[in-house]
C-alpha atoms as a PDB file:
ATOM      1  CA  UNK A   1      91.269  76.246  78.834  1.00  0.00           C
ATOM      2  CA  UNK A   2      88.337  74.954  80.826  1.00  0.00           C
ATOM      3  CA  UNK A   3      85.918  72.732  78.907  1.00  0.00           C
ATOM      4  CA  UNK A   4      82.326  74.000  78.963  1.00  0.00           C
ATOM      5  CA  UNK A   5      79.846  71.573  80.289  1.00  0.00           C
ATOM      6  CA  UNK A   6      76.730  71.050  78.176  1.00  0.00           C
ATOM      7  CA  UNK A   7      74.807  69.085  80.827  1.00  0.00           C
ATOM      8  CA  UNK A   8      71.638  70.621  82.149  1.00  0.00           C
ATOM      9  CA  UNK A   9      71.215  71.253  85.869  1.00  0.00           C
ATOM     10  CA  UNK A  10      69.234  68.601  87.733  1.00  0.00           C
ATOM     11  CA  UNK A  11      65.638  69.447  88.452  1.00  0.00           C
ATOM     12  CA  UNK A  12      63.627  68.598  91.487  1.00  0.00           C
ATOM     13  CA  UNK A  13      60.868  66.006  91.255  1.00  0.00           C
ATOM     14  CA  UNK A  14      58.218  68.689  91.729  1.00  0.00           C
ATOM     15  CA  UNK A  15      59.470  70.431  88.574  1.00  0.00           C
ATOM     16  CA  UNK A  16      58.314  67.452  86.513  1.00  0.00           C
ATOM     17  CA  UNK A  17      54.973  66.677  88.085  1.00  0.00           C
ATOM     18  CA  UNK A  18      51.771  68.555  88.433  1.00  0.00           C
ATOM     19  CA  UNK A  19      49.436  68.108  91.427  1.00  0.00           C
ATOM     20  CA  UNK A  20      47.287  64.984  91.395  1.00  0.00           C
ATOM     21  CA  UNK A  21      44.448  65.259  88.923  1.00  0.00           C
ATOM     22  CA  UNK A  22      41.307  63.804  90.560  1.00  0.00           C
ATOM     23  CA  UNK A  23      39.903  62.881  87.156  1.00  0.00           C
ATOM     24  CA  UNK A  24      42.976  60.919  86.080  1.00  0.00           C
ATOM     25  CA  UNK A  25      42.366  57.168  85.843  1.00  0.00           C
ATOM     26  CA  UNK A  26      45.822  56.000  84.793  1.00  0.00           C
ATOM     27  CA  UNK A  27      47.582  53.572  87.149  1.00  0.00           C
ATOM     28  CA  UNK A  28      50.413  55.996  87.907  1.00  0.00           C
ATOM     29  CA  UNK A  29      48.018  58.250  89.824  1.00  0.00           C
ATOM     30  CA  UNK A  30      47.885  56.841  93.332  1.00  0.00           C
ATOM     31  CA  UNK A  31      46.778  59.937  95.207  1.00  0.00           C
ATOM     32  CA  UNK A  32      50.421  60.584  96.033  1.00  0.00           C
ATOM     33  CA  UNK A  33      52.033  63.977  96.199  1.00  0.00           C
ATOM     34  CA  UNK A  34      52.239  64.370  92.424  1.00  0.00           C
ATOM     35  CA  UNK A  35      50.621  63.037  89.293  1.00  0.00           C
ATOM     36  CA  UNK A  36      53.033  61.622  86.747  1.00  0.00           C
ATOM     37  CA  UNK A  37      50.566  62.347  83.963  1.00  0.00           C
ATOM     38  CA  UNK A  38      50.296  66.096  84.322  1.00  0.00           C
ATOM     39  CA  UNK A  39      52.454  68.736  82.610  1.00  0.00           C
ATOM     40  CA  UNK A  40      55.530  70.150  84.256  1.00  0.00           C
ATOM     41  CA  UNK A  41      54.703  72.943  86.665  1.00  0.00           C
ATOM     42  CA  UNK A  42      56.547  76.144  87.139  1.00  0.00           C
ATOM     43  CA  UNK A  43      57.966  77.343  90.421  1.00  0.00           C
ATOM     44  CA  UNK A  44      54.981  79.682  90.780  1.00  0.00           C
ATOM     45  CA  UNK A  45      52.514  76.845  90.313  1.00  0.00           C
ATOM     46  CA  UNK A  46      54.316  74.709  92.876  1.00  0.00           C
ATOM     47  CA  UNK A  47      53.575  77.336  95.558  1.00  0.00           C
ATOM     48  CA  UNK A  48      49.837  76.684  95.167  1.00  0.00           C
ATOM     49  CA  UNK A  49      50.051  72.923  94.671  1.00  0.00           C
ATOM     50  CA  UNK A  50      49.065  72.135  98.249  1.00  0.00           C
ATOM     51  CA  UNK A  51      45.878  74.242  98.077  1.00  0.00           C
ATOM     52  CA  UNK A  52      44.964  72.937  94.605  1.00  0.00           C
ATOM     53  CA  UNK A  53      45.452  69.347  95.724  1.00  0.00           C
ATOM     54  CA  UNK A  54      43.222  69.853  98.744  1.00  0.00           C
ATOM     55  CA  UNK A  55      40.452  71.300  96.571  1.00  0.00           C
ATOM     56  CA  UNK A  56      40.917  68.545  93.998  1.00  0.00           C
ATOM     57  CA  UNK A  57      40.465  65.852  96.646  1.00  0.00           C
ATOM     58  CA  UNK A  58      37.218  67.418  97.838  1.00  0.00           C
ATOM     59  CA  UNK A  59      35.648  67.858  94.389  1.00  0.00           C
ATOM     60  CA  UNK A  60      35.201  64.144  93.561  1.00  0.00           C
ATOM     61  CA  UNK A  61      33.324  63.627  96.830  1.00  0.00           C
ATOM     62  CA  UNK A  62      31.046  66.563  96.072  1.00  0.00           C
ATOM     63  CA  UNK A  63      30.439  65.382  92.521  1.00  0.00           C
ATOM     64  CA  UNK A  64      29.738  61.884  93.855  1.00  0.00           C
ATOM     65  CA  UNK A  65      27.038  63.230  96.180  1.00  0.00           C
ATOM     66  CA  UNK A  66      25.478  65.206  93.332  1.00  0.00           C
ATOM     67  CA  UNK A  67      25.410  62.131  91.091  1.00  0.00           C
ATOM     68  CA  UNK A  68      23.827  60.100  93.899  1.00  0.00           C
ATOM     69  CA  UNK A  69      21.090  62.685  94.338  1.00  0.00           C
ATOM     70  CA  UNK A  70      20.424  62.930  90.598  1.00  0.00           C
ATOM     71  CA  UNK A  71      20.245  59.149  90.067  1.00  0.00           C
ATOM     72  CA  UNK A  72      16.627  57.989  89.407  1.00  0.00           C
ATOM     73  CA  UNK A  73      15.267  55.607  92.014  1.00  0.00           C
ATOM     74  CA  UNK A  74      12.783  52.793  91.412  1.00  0.00           C
ATOM     75  CA  UNK A  75       9.654  52.902  93.536  1.00  0.00           C
ATOM     76  CA  UNK A  76       6.529  50.788  93.741  1.00  0.00           C
ATOM     77  CA  UNK A  77       4.518  53.689  92.399  1.00  0.00           C
ATOM     78  CA  UNK A  78       6.415  53.477  89.103  1.00  0.00           C
ATOM     79  CA  UNK A  79       5.166  49.920  88.403  1.00  0.00           C
ATOM     80  CA  UNK A  80       2.322  49.947  85.915  1.00  0.00           C
ATOM     81  CA  UNK A  81       0.051  46.924  85.462  1.00  0.00           C
ATOM     82  CA  UNK A  82      -1.214  46.936  81.859  1.00  0.00           C
ATOM     83  CA  UNK A  83      -4.494  45.194  82.713  1.00  0.00           C
ATOM     84  CA  UNK A  84      -6.760  44.303  85.579  1.00  0.00           C
ATOM     85  CA  UNK A  85      -5.343  41.519  87.767  1.00  0.00           C
ATOM     86  CA  UNK A  86      -8.562  39.525  87.428  1.00  0.00           C
ATOM     87  CA  UNK A  87     -10.083  36.941  89.712  1.00  0.00           C
ATOM     88  CA  UNK A  88      -8.294  34.239  91.683  1.00  0.00           C
ATOM     89  CA  UNK A  89      -7.989  31.990  89.830  1.00  0.00           C
ATOM     90  CA  UNK A  90      -8.190  33.450  86.331  1.00  0.00           C
ATOM     91  CA  UNK A  91      -8.348  30.951  83.459  1.00  0.00           C
ATOM     92  CA  UNK A  92      -8.613  32.924  80.246  1.00  0.00           C
ATOM     93  CA  UNK A  93      -9.634  30.991  77.136  1.00  0.00           C
ATOM     94  CA  UNK A  94      -7.895  31.652  73.828  1.00  0.00           C
ATOM     95  CA  UNK A  95      -9.823  32.836  70.770  1.00  0.00           C
ATOM     96  CA  UNK A  96      -7.519  30.838  68.470  1.00  0.00           C
ATOM     97  CA  UNK A  97      -8.185  27.269  67.313  1.00  0.00           C
ATOM     98  CA  UNK A  98      -7.359  24.563  69.867  1.00  0.00           C
ATOM     99  CA  UNK A  99      -8.261  20.951  70.639  1.00  0.00           C
ATOM    100  CA  UNK A 100     -11.126  21.217  73.092  1.00  0.00           C
ATOM    101  CA  UNK A 101     -12.456  18.578  75.485  1.00  0.00           C
ATOM    102  CA  UNK A 102     -15.847  17.074  74.675  1.00  0.00           C
ATOM    103  CA  UNK A 103     -19.283  17.724  76.223  1.00  0.00           C
ATOM    104  CA  UNK A 104     -19.314  21.424  75.315  1.00  0.00           C
ATOM    105  CA  UNK A 105     -18.793  24.209  77.822  1.00  0.00           C
ATOM    106  CA  UNK A 106     -19.689  22.001  80.779  1.00  0.00           C
ATOM    107  CA  UNK A 107     -17.037  19.433  79.909  1.00  0.00           C
ATOM    108  CA  UNK A 108     -14.525  22.177  79.235  1.00  0.00           C
ATOM    109  CA  UNK A 109     -15.252  23.839  82.567  1.00  0.00           C
ATOM    110  CA  UNK A 110     -14.859  20.542  84.433  1.00  0.00           C
ATOM    111  CA  UNK A 111     -11.524  19.807  82.773  1.00  0.00           C
ATOM    112  CA  UNK A 112     -10.061  23.262  83.313  1.00  0.00           C
ATOM    113  CA  UNK A 113     -11.297  23.316  86.907  1.00  0.00           C
ATOM    114  CA  UNK A 114      -9.737  19.936  87.667  1.00  0.00           C
ATOM    115  CA  UNK A 115      -6.362  20.937  86.220  1.00  0.00           C
ATOM    116  CA  UNK A 116      -6.344  24.336  87.936  1.00  0.00           C
ATOM    117  CA  UNK A 117      -7.174  22.871  91.372  1.00  0.00           C
ATOM    118  CA  UNK A 118      -4.444  20.245  91.068  1.00  0.00           C
ATOM    119  CA  UNK A 119      -1.950  22.872  89.888  1.00  0.00           C
ATOM    120  CA  UNK A 120      -2.584  25.005  92.965  1.00  0.00           C
ATOM    121  CA  UNK A 121      -2.157  22.110  95.396  1.00  0.00           C
ATOM    122  CA  UNK A 122       1.052  20.992  93.695  1.00  0.00           C
ATOM    123  CA  UNK A 123       2.476  24.495  93.961  1.00  0.00           C
ATOM    124  CA  UNK A 124       1.483  24.691  97.605  1.00  0.00           C
ATOM    125  CA  UNK A 125       3.245  21.400  98.266  1.00  0.00           C
ATOM    126  CA  UNK A 126       6.311  22.703  96.429  1.00  0.00           C
ATOM    127  CA  UNK A 127       6.560  25.611  98.863  1.00  0.00           C
ATOM    128  CA  UNK A 128       6.002  23.455 101.929  1.00  0.00           C
ATOM    129  CA  UNK A 129       8.486  20.750 100.914  1.00  0.00           C
ATOM    130  CA  UNK A 130      11.200  23.356 100.436  1.00  0.00           C
ATOM    131  CA  UNK A 131      10.396  24.983 103.790  1.00  0.00           C
ATOM    132  CA  UNK A 132      10.623  21.604 105.524  1.00  0.00           C
ATOM    133  CA  UNK A 133      13.751  20.640 103.546  1.00  0.00           C
ATOM    134  CA  UNK A 134      15.544  23.658 105.025  1.00  0.00           C
ATOM    135  CA  UNK A 135      14.241  23.504 108.591  1.00  0.00           C
ATOM    136  CA  UNK A 136      13.748  19.823 109.463  1.00  0.00           C
ATOM    137  CA  UNK A 137      15.649  18.898 112.630  1.00  0.00           C
ATOM    138  CA  UNK A 138      16.137  15.830 114.788  1.00  0.00           C
ATOM    139  CA  UNK A 139      17.354  12.269 114.468  1.00  0.00           C
ATOM    140  CA  UNK A 140      15.978  11.829 110.944  1.00  0.00           C
ATOM    141  CA  UNK A 141      17.310  15.127 109.616  1.00  0.00           C
ATOM    142  CA  UNK A 142      19.521  13.666 106.885  1.00  0.00           C
ATOM    143  CA  UNK A 143      17.093  11.164 105.272  1.00  0.00           C
ATOM    144  CA  UNK A 144      14.185  13.628 105.463  1.00  0.00           C
ATOM    145  CA  UNK A 145      16.329  16.481 104.134  1.00  0.00           C
ATOM    146  CA  UNK A 146      17.269  14.409 101.078  1.00  0.00           C
ATOM    147  CA  UNK A 147      13.774  12.964 100.580  1.00  0.00           C
ATOM    148  CA  UNK A 148      12.079  16.372 100.710  1.00  0.00           C
ATOM    149  CA  UNK A 149      14.407  17.672  98.000  1.00  0.00           C
ATOM    150  CA  UNK A 150      13.442  14.713  95.788  1.00  0.00           C
ATOM    151  CA  UNK A 151       9.762  15.401  96.472  1.00  0.00           C
ATOM    152  CA  UNK A 152      10.204  19.095  95.648  1.00  0.00           C
ATOM    153  CA  UNK A 153      11.758  18.299  92.274  1.00  0.00           C
ATOM    154  CA  UNK A 154       9.058  15.751  91.445  1.00  0.00           C
ATOM    155  CA  UNK A 155       6.242  18.117  92.422  1.00  0.00           C
ATOM    156  CA  UNK A 156       7.821  20.849  90.291  1.00  0.00           C
ATOM    157  CA  UNK A 157       7.802  18.518  87.284  1.00  0.00           C
ATOM    158  CA  UNK A 158       4.155  17.549  87.838  1.00  0.00           C
ATOM    159  CA  UNK A 159       3.073  21.171  88.317  1.00  0.00           C
ATOM    160  CA  UNK A 160       4.747  22.143  85.052  1.00  0.00           C
ATOM    161  CA  UNK A 161       3.037  19.339  83.152  1.00  0.00           C
ATOM    162  CA  UNK A 162      -0.378  20.218  84.576  1.00  0.00           C
ATOM    163  CA  UNK A 163       0.067  23.913  83.740  1.00  0.00           C
ATOM    164  CA  UNK A 164       1.129  23.093  80.187  1.00  0.00           C
ATOM    165  CA  UNK A 165      -1.906  20.830  79.778  1.00  0.00           C
ATOM    166  CA  UNK A 166      -4.094  23.823  80.620  1.00  0.00           C
ATOM    167  CA  UNK A 167      -2.388  25.800  77.859  1.00  0.00           C
ATOM    168  CA  UNK A 168      -2.688  22.871  75.458  1.00  0.00           C
ATOM    169  CA  UNK A 169      -6.501  22.863  75.772  1.00  0.00           C
ATOM    170  CA  UNK A 170      -6.700  26.630  75.261  1.00  0.00           C
ATOM    171  CA  UNK A 171      -6.750  27.988  78.833  1.00  0.00           C
ATOM    172  CA  UNK A 172      -4.271  30.126  80.714  1.00  0.00           C
ATOM    173  CA  UNK A 173      -2.770  28.654  83.887  1.00  0.00           C
ATOM    174  CA  UNK A 174      -2.943  30.617  87.139  1.00  0.00           C
ATOM    175  CA  UNK A 175      -0.009  29.996  89.461  1.00  0.00           C
ATOM    176  CA  UNK A 176       0.097  33.381  91.167  1.00  0.00           C
ATOM    177  CA  UNK A 177       0.954  33.590  94.846  1.00  0.00           C
ATOM    178  CA  UNK A 178      -2.408  35.132  95.731  1.00  0.00           C
ATOM    179  CA  UNK A 179      -4.210  32.346  93.906  1.00  0.00           C
ATOM    180  CA  UNK A 180      -2.337  29.751  95.948  1.00  0.00           C
ATOM    181  CA  UNK A 181      -3.083  31.526  99.232  1.00  0.00           C
ATOM    182  CA  UNK A 182      -6.757  32.079  98.461  1.00  0.00           C
ATOM    183  CA  UNK A 183      -7.700  28.748  96.915  1.00  0.00           C
ATOM    184  CA  UNK A 184      -5.412  26.027  98.288  1.00  0.00           C
ATOM    185  CA  UNK A 185      -6.905  23.583 100.755  1.00  0.00           C
ATOM    186  CA  UNK A 186      -3.493  22.595 102.111  1.00  0.00           C
ATOM    187  CA  UNK A 187      -2.567  24.522 105.281  1.00  0.00           C
ATOM    188  CA  UNK A 188       0.757  26.275 105.850  1.00  0.00           C
ATOM    189  CA  UNK A 189       3.438  24.253 107.571  1.00  0.00           C
ATOM    190  CA  UNK A 190       4.521  25.887 110.872  1.00  0.00           C
ATOM    191  CA  UNK A 191       7.429  28.322 110.742  1.00  0.00           C
ATOM    192  CA  UNK A 192      10.760  27.910 112.549  1.00  0.00           C
ATOM    193  CA  UNK A 193      12.695  24.706 113.125  1.00  0.00           C
ATOM    194  CA  UNK A 194      10.619  21.603 112.406  1.00  0.00           C
ATOM    195  CA  UNK A 195      10.915  18.402 114.406  1.00  0.00           C
ATOM    196  CA  UNK A 196      11.312  15.270 112.281  1.00  0.00           C
ATOM    197  CA  UNK A 197       8.163  13.707 113.761  1.00  0.00           C
ATOM    198  CA  UNK A 198       6.262  16.916 113.013  1.00  0.00           C
ATOM    199  CA  UNK A 199       7.391  16.801 109.372  1.00  0.00           C
ATOM    200  CA  UNK A 200       6.358  13.161 108.993  1.00  0.00           C
ATOM    201  CA  UNK A 201       2.876  13.799 110.391  1.00  0.00           C
ATOM    202  CA  UNK A 202       2.321  17.007 108.391  1.00  0.00           C
ATOM    203  CA  UNK A 203       3.268  15.534 105.021  1.00  0.00           C
ATOM    204  CA  UNK A 204       1.467  12.249 105.621  1.00  0.00           C
ATOM    205  CA  UNK A 205      -1.734  14.243 106.042  1.00  0.00           C
ATOM    206  CA  UNK A 206      -0.977  16.819 103.307  1.00  0.00           C
ATOM    207  CA  UNK A 207      -0.169  14.226 100.640  1.00  0.00           C
ATOM    208  CA  UNK A 208      -3.338  12.337 101.558  1.00  0.00           C
ATOM    209  CA  UNK A 209      -5.409  15.493 101.102  1.00  0.00           C
ATOM    210  CA  UNK A 210      -3.834  16.368  97.750  1.00  0.00           C
ATOM    211  CA  UNK A 211      -4.140  12.762  96.560  1.00  0.00           C
ATOM    212  CA  UNK A 212      -7.878  12.905  97.239  1.00  0.00           C
ATOM    213  CA  UNK A 213      -8.105  16.186  95.276  1.00  0.00           C
ATOM    214  CA  UNK A 214      -6.298  14.652  92.307  1.00  0.00           C
ATOM    215  CA  UNK A 215      -8.581  11.610  92.401  1.00  0.00           C
ATOM    216  CA  UNK A 216     -11.632  13.878  92.236  1.00  0.00           C
ATOM    217  CA  UNK A 217     -10.085  15.685  89.260  1.00  0.00           C
ATOM    218  CA  UNK A 218      -9.572  12.395  87.456  1.00  0.00           C
ATOM    219  CA  UNK A 219     -13.252  11.586  87.853  1.00  0.00           C
ATOM    220  CA  UNK A 220     -14.292  15.044  86.577  1.00  0.00           C
ATOM    221  CA  UNK A 221     -12.043  14.907  83.513  1.00  0.00           C
ATOM    222  CA  UNK A 222     -12.429  11.245  82.648  1.00  0.00           C
ATOM    223  CA  UNK A 223     -15.317  11.596  80.183  1.00  0.00           C
ATOM    224  CA  UNK A 224     -14.779  15.038  78.624  1.00  0.00           C
ATOM    225  CA  UNK A 225     -10.995  14.717  78.317  1.00  0.00           C
ATOM    226  CA  UNK A 226      -9.429  11.258  78.817  1.00  0.00           C
ATOM    227  CA  UNK A 227      -5.971  12.690  78.025  1.00  0.00           C
ATOM    228  CA  UNK A 228      -6.185  15.043  80.992  1.00  0.00           C
ATOM    229  CA  UNK A 229      -7.460  12.202  83.169  1.00  0.00           C
ATOM    230  CA  UNK A 230      -4.452  10.088  82.161  1.00  0.00           C
ATOM    231  CA  UNK A 231      -2.077  12.910  83.063  1.00  0.00           C
ATOM    232  CA  UNK A 232      -3.701  13.344  86.468  1.00  0.00           C
ATOM    233  CA  UNK A 233      -3.404   9.600  87.065  1.00  0.00           C
ATOM    234  CA  UNK A 234       0.349   9.911  86.550  1.00  0.00           C
ATOM    235  CA  UNK A 235       0.452  12.809  89.025  1.00  0.00           C
ATOM    236  CA  UNK A 236      -1.605  10.853  91.560  1.00  0.00           C
ATOM    237  CA  UNK A 237       0.789   7.929  91.221  1.00  0.00           C
ATOM    238  CA  UNK A 238       3.690  10.185  92.257  1.00  0.00           C
ATOM    239  CA  UNK A 239       1.873  11.917  95.125  1.00  0.00           C
ATOM    240  CA  UNK A 240       0.632   8.575  96.510  1.00  0.00           C
ATOM    241  CA  UNK A 241       4.216   7.352  96.469  1.00  0.00           C
ATOM    242  CA  UNK A 242       5.382  10.419  98.407  1.00  0.00           C
ATOM    243  CA  UNK A 243       2.633   9.841 100.969  1.00  0.00           C
ATOM    244  CA  UNK A 244       3.748   6.237 101.457  1.00  0.00           C
ATOM    245  CA  UNK A 245       7.396   7.299 101.893  1.00  0.00           C
ATOM    246  CA  UNK A 246       6.374   9.602 104.746  1.00  0.00           C
ATOM    247  CA  UNK A 247       3.876   7.188 106.296  1.00  0.00           C
ATOM    248  CA  UNK A 248       6.440   4.356 106.318  1.00  0.00           C
ATOM    249  CA  UNK A 249       8.376   6.079 109.119  1.00  0.00           C
ATOM    250  CA  UNK A 250       5.529   5.324 111.528  1.00  0.00           C
ATOM    251  CA  UNK A 251       4.064   2.218 109.913  1.00  0.00           C
ATOM    252  CA  UNK A 252       2.885  -0.397 112.403  1.00  0.00           C
ATOM    253  CA  UNK A 253       4.433  -3.840 112.000  1.00  0.00           C
ATOM    254  CA  UNK A 254       3.968  -7.172 113.762  1.00  0.00           C
ATOM    255  CA  UNK A 255       7.040  -6.583 115.890  1.00  0.00           C
ATOM    256  CA  UNK A 256       6.969  -2.803 116.452  1.00  0.00           C
ATOM    257  CA  UNK A 257       3.980  -0.475 116.773  1.00  0.00           C
ATOM    258  CA  UNK A 258       6.156   2.381 115.433  1.00  0.00           C
ATOM    259  CA  UNK A 259       4.141   5.043 117.189  1.00  0.00           C
ATOM    260  CA  UNK A 260       6.923   7.570 116.678  1.00  0.00           C
ATOM    261  CA  UNK A 261       7.456   8.026 120.409  1.00  0.00           C
ATOM    262  CA  UNK A 262      11.232   7.778 119.940  1.00  0.00           C
ATOM    263  CA  UNK A 263      11.050  10.827 117.634  1.00  0.00           C
ATOM    264  CA  UNK A 264       8.399  12.766 119.507  1.00  0.00           C
ATOM    265  CA  UNK A 265       9.578  13.266 123.103  1.00  0.00           C
ATOM    266  CA  UNK A 266       8.323   9.842 124.237  1.00  0.00           C
ATOM    267  CA  UNK A 267       4.813  10.523 122.925  1.00  0.00           C
ATOM    268  CA  UNK A 268       3.035   8.813 120.047  1.00  0.00           C
ATOM    269  CA  UNK A 269       2.677  10.949 116.937  1.00  0.00           C
ATOM    270  CA  UNK A 270      -0.753  12.390 116.241  1.00  0.00           C
ATOM    271  CA  UNK A 271      -1.875  10.400 113.212  1.00  0.00           C
ATOM    272  CA  UNK A 272      -5.410   9.047 112.879  1.00  0.00           C
ATOM    273  CA  UNK A 273      -5.825   5.289 112.729  1.00  0.00           C
ATOM    274  CA  UNK A 274      -8.204   3.609 110.370  1.00  0.00           C
ATOM    275  CA  UNK A 275      -9.582   0.119 110.081  1.00  0.00           C
ATOM    276  CA  UNK A 276      -7.870  -1.648 107.187  1.00  0.00           C
ATOM    277  CA  UNK A 277     -10.121  -3.075 104.501  1.00  0.00           C
ATOM    278  CA  UNK A 278     -10.955  -6.746 104.738  1.00  0.00           C
ATOM    279  CA  UNK A 279      -8.397  -8.970 103.078  1.00  0.00           C
ATOM    280  CA  UNK A 280      -9.591 -11.453 100.473  1.00  0.00           C
ATOM    281  CA  UNK A 281      -9.914 -14.981 101.736  1.00  0.00           C
ATOM    282  CA  UNK A 282      -7.332 -17.482 100.617  1.00  0.00           C
ATOM    283  CA  UNK A 283      -8.408 -20.133  98.182  1.00  0.00           C
END
């Protein structure tokens, strides 16, 4: 007597797998011929699997385009400024109690004006030192590249302290880009690659100009607000040091005129000369 077999007949792979489901995110779905996550399909369903798979592959692309079209886009017109942008500069005074400089409104105006003018010039120098730090070229690239980064960090510290002093005496600080452009007396450094001699000349002159502005601010603030004057003296000390570090590259000595010709295509750099003050006589 022949023994009856209880084993089931083998099924084809397509009997176990449904067509790829485009919405399936499980790792077994690799856009292959069949999705291992779907239910078993009948022989009738398998006849249409090719057509269903083709449609399924097209639908995600269509839905993706629809989602892209429906996605909200940010435009400039959507930006809303809650208040008028004000003048350049704008130094708004608080209506809360604060420690005010002396000499009434005139002393207050002098102090705020001095701090605001110095703040603008420090920010302008920040921008120019970074521009030169990136683009300086020539024999002195490395020392100037490093020095300009140090100057940038120092100027950033001074600008922050000056701005916070404005807030401490009850005034807002104005460091907006338009304020810098409209009120700074320091010119823009040229664009493009910058020759090392060009950088030395530009910053020697720029630091001199800003140092003079800080000195004028010290005089204005000295009587109404000695604390502000002391802060500006500290800032002037740093800016004067930066000016010396640039000027030293072309400083005349007893053995070398240091005209900068070796850095400037065999031509002396364009820096004005001045008559040094008389030295005190020896005892």
